[in-house]
Amino acid sequence: MKTIVYAVFASALLLLTACNTVKGVGQDIQKAGEKIEGAARK
């Protein structure tokens, strides 16, 4: 039973970490797109 509980907690931790990483990458791509858009307007 303890093994199952530890596995669930480990899985949840990995999923939460992955979500934060994907969110950060999305924000970086968005900022880069804004810079490119600003340069194209000039």
N, C-alpha and C. Protein backbone atom coordinates (compact mmCIF):
# COMPACT_ATOMS: atom_id res chain seq x y z
N MET A 1 0.82 -1.20 0.00
CA MET A 1 0.00 0.00 0.00
C MET A 1 0.87 1.27 0.00
N LYS A 2 1.96 1.24 0.78
CA LYS A 2 2.84 2.41 0.82
C LYS A 2 3.45 2.67 -0.55
N THR A 3 3.77 1.61 -1.26
CA THR A 3 4.37 1.76 -2.59
C THR A 3 3.43 2.48 -3.54
N ILE A 4 2.16 2.14 -3.47
CA ILE A 4 1.16 2.79 -4.34
C ILE A 4 1.04 4.27 -3.99
N VAL A 5 1.01 4.58 -2.70
CA VAL A 5 0.90 5.98 -2.26
C VAL A 5 2.12 6.77 -2.72
N TYR A 6 3.30 6.21 -2.57
CA TYR A 6 4.52 6.90 -3.02
C TYR A 6 4.52 7.09 -4.53
N ALA A 7 4.04 6.11 -5.26
CA ALA A 7 3.99 6.22 -6.72
C ALA A 7 3.02 7.32 -7.14
N VAL A 8 1.89 7.43 -6.47
CA VAL A 8 0.91 8.49 -6.79
C VAL A 8 1.50 9.86 -6.50
N PHE A 9 2.15 10.01 -5.36
CA PHE A 9 2.77 11.30 -5.03
C PHE A 9 3.88 11.66 -6.02
N ALA A 10 4.69 10.70 -6.40
CA ALA A 10 5.76 10.95 -7.35
C ALA A 10 5.19 11.36 -8.70
N SER A 11 4.14 10.69 -9.13
CA SER A 11 3.50 11.03 -10.41
C SER A 11 2.92 12.43 -10.38
N ALA A 12 2.25 12.77 -9.28
CA ALA A 12 1.67 14.10 -9.16
C ALA A 12 2.75 15.17 -9.17
N LEU A 13 3.85 14.91 -8.50
CA LEU A 13 4.95 15.87 -8.48
C LEU A 13 5.53 16.08 -9.87
N LEU A 14 5.72 15.01 -10.61
CA LEU A 14 6.24 15.12 -11.98
C LEU A 14 5.28 15.88 -12.89
N LEU A 15 3.99 15.62 -12.74
CA LEU A 15 3.01 16.32 -13.57
C LEU A 15 2.98 17.81 -13.27
N LEU A 16 3.05 18.17 -12.00
CA LEU A 16 3.04 19.58 -11.63
C LEU A 16 4.29 20.28 -12.15
N THR A 17 5.42 19.63 -12.06
CA THR A 17 6.67 20.20 -12.56
C THR A 17 6.61 20.38 -14.06
N ALA A 18 6.07 19.41 -14.75
CA ALA A 18 5.97 19.50 -16.21
C ALA A 18 5.05 20.63 -16.62
N CYS A 19 3.96 20.83 -15.89
CA CYS A 19 3.03 21.92 -16.23
C CYS A 19 3.72 23.27 -16.10
N ASN A 20 4.49 23.45 -15.04
CA ASN A 20 5.20 24.72 -14.86
C ASN A 20 6.22 24.92 -15.97
N THR A 21 6.89 23.88 -16.38
CA THR A 21 7.89 23.99 -17.44
C THR A 21 7.24 24.36 -18.76
N VAL A 22 6.16 23.71 -19.09
CA VAL A 22 5.45 23.99 -20.34
C VAL A 22 4.91 25.41 -20.32
N LYS A 23 4.39 25.85 -19.20
CA LYS A 23 3.87 27.21 -19.08
C LYS A 23 4.99 28.23 -19.31
N GLY A 24 6.15 27.97 -18.72
CA GLY A 24 7.28 28.88 -18.89
C GLY A 24 7.77 28.96 -20.32
N VAL A 25 7.81 27.81 -20.99
CA VAL A 25 8.22 27.79 -22.39
C VAL A 25 7.21 28.55 -23.23
N GLY A 26 5.94 28.38 -22.95
CA GLY A 26 4.89 29.10 -23.68
C GLY A 26 5.03 30.60 -23.52
N GLN A 27 5.34 31.04 -22.32
CA GLN A 27 5.53 32.47 -22.08
C GLN A 27 6.74 32.99 -22.83
N ASP A 28 7.82 32.23 -22.87
CA ASP A 28 9.02 32.64 -23.59
C ASP A 28 8.73 32.77 -25.09
N ILE A 29 8.00 31.82 -25.63
CA ILE A 29 7.67 31.86 -27.06
C ILE A 29 6.77 33.06 -27.34
N GLN A 30 5.84 33.34 -26.45
CA GLN A 30 4.95 34.48 -26.64
C GLN A 30 5.74 35.79 -26.65
N LYS A 31 6.68 35.93 -25.73
CA LYS A 31 7.50 37.15 -25.68
C LYS A 31 8.35 37.29 -26.94
N ALA A 32 8.89 36.19 -27.43
CA ALA A 32 9.68 36.24 -28.66
C ALA A 32 8.81 36.66 -29.82
N GLY A 33 7.60 36.15 -29.88
CA GLY A 33 6.66 36.52 -30.95
C GLY A 33 6.32 38.00 -30.90
N GLU A 34 6.17 38.53 -29.70
CA GLU A 34 5.88 39.95 -29.56
C GLU A 34 7.05 40.80 -30.05
N LYS A 35 8.27 40.37 -29.77
CA LYS A 35 9.46 41.11 -30.24
C LYS A 35 9.52 41.09 -31.78
N ILE A 36 9.25 39.94 -32.36
CA ILE A 36 9.27 39.82 -33.82
C ILE A 36 8.18 40.69 -34.43
N GLU A 37 7.02 40.67 -33.82
CA GLU A 37 5.91 41.49 -34.32
C GLU A 37 6.25 42.98 -34.25
N GLY A 38 6.88 43.39 -33.15
CA GLY A 38 7.29 44.78 -33.01
C GLY A 38 8.33 45.17 -34.05
N ALA A 39 9.25 44.28 -34.34
CA ALA A 39 10.28 44.57 -35.36
C ALA A 39 9.66 44.63 -36.74
N ALA A 40 8.64 43.83 -36.99
CA ALA A 40 7.99 43.83 -38.31
C ALA A 40 7.21 45.11 -38.53
N ARG A 41 6.71 45.71 -37.48
CA ARG A 41 5.92 46.95 -37.61
C ARG A 41 6.81 48.14 -37.96
N LYS A 42 8.10 48.07 -37.61
CA LYS A 42 9.02 49.18 -37.87
C LYS A 42 9.35 49.20 -39.30
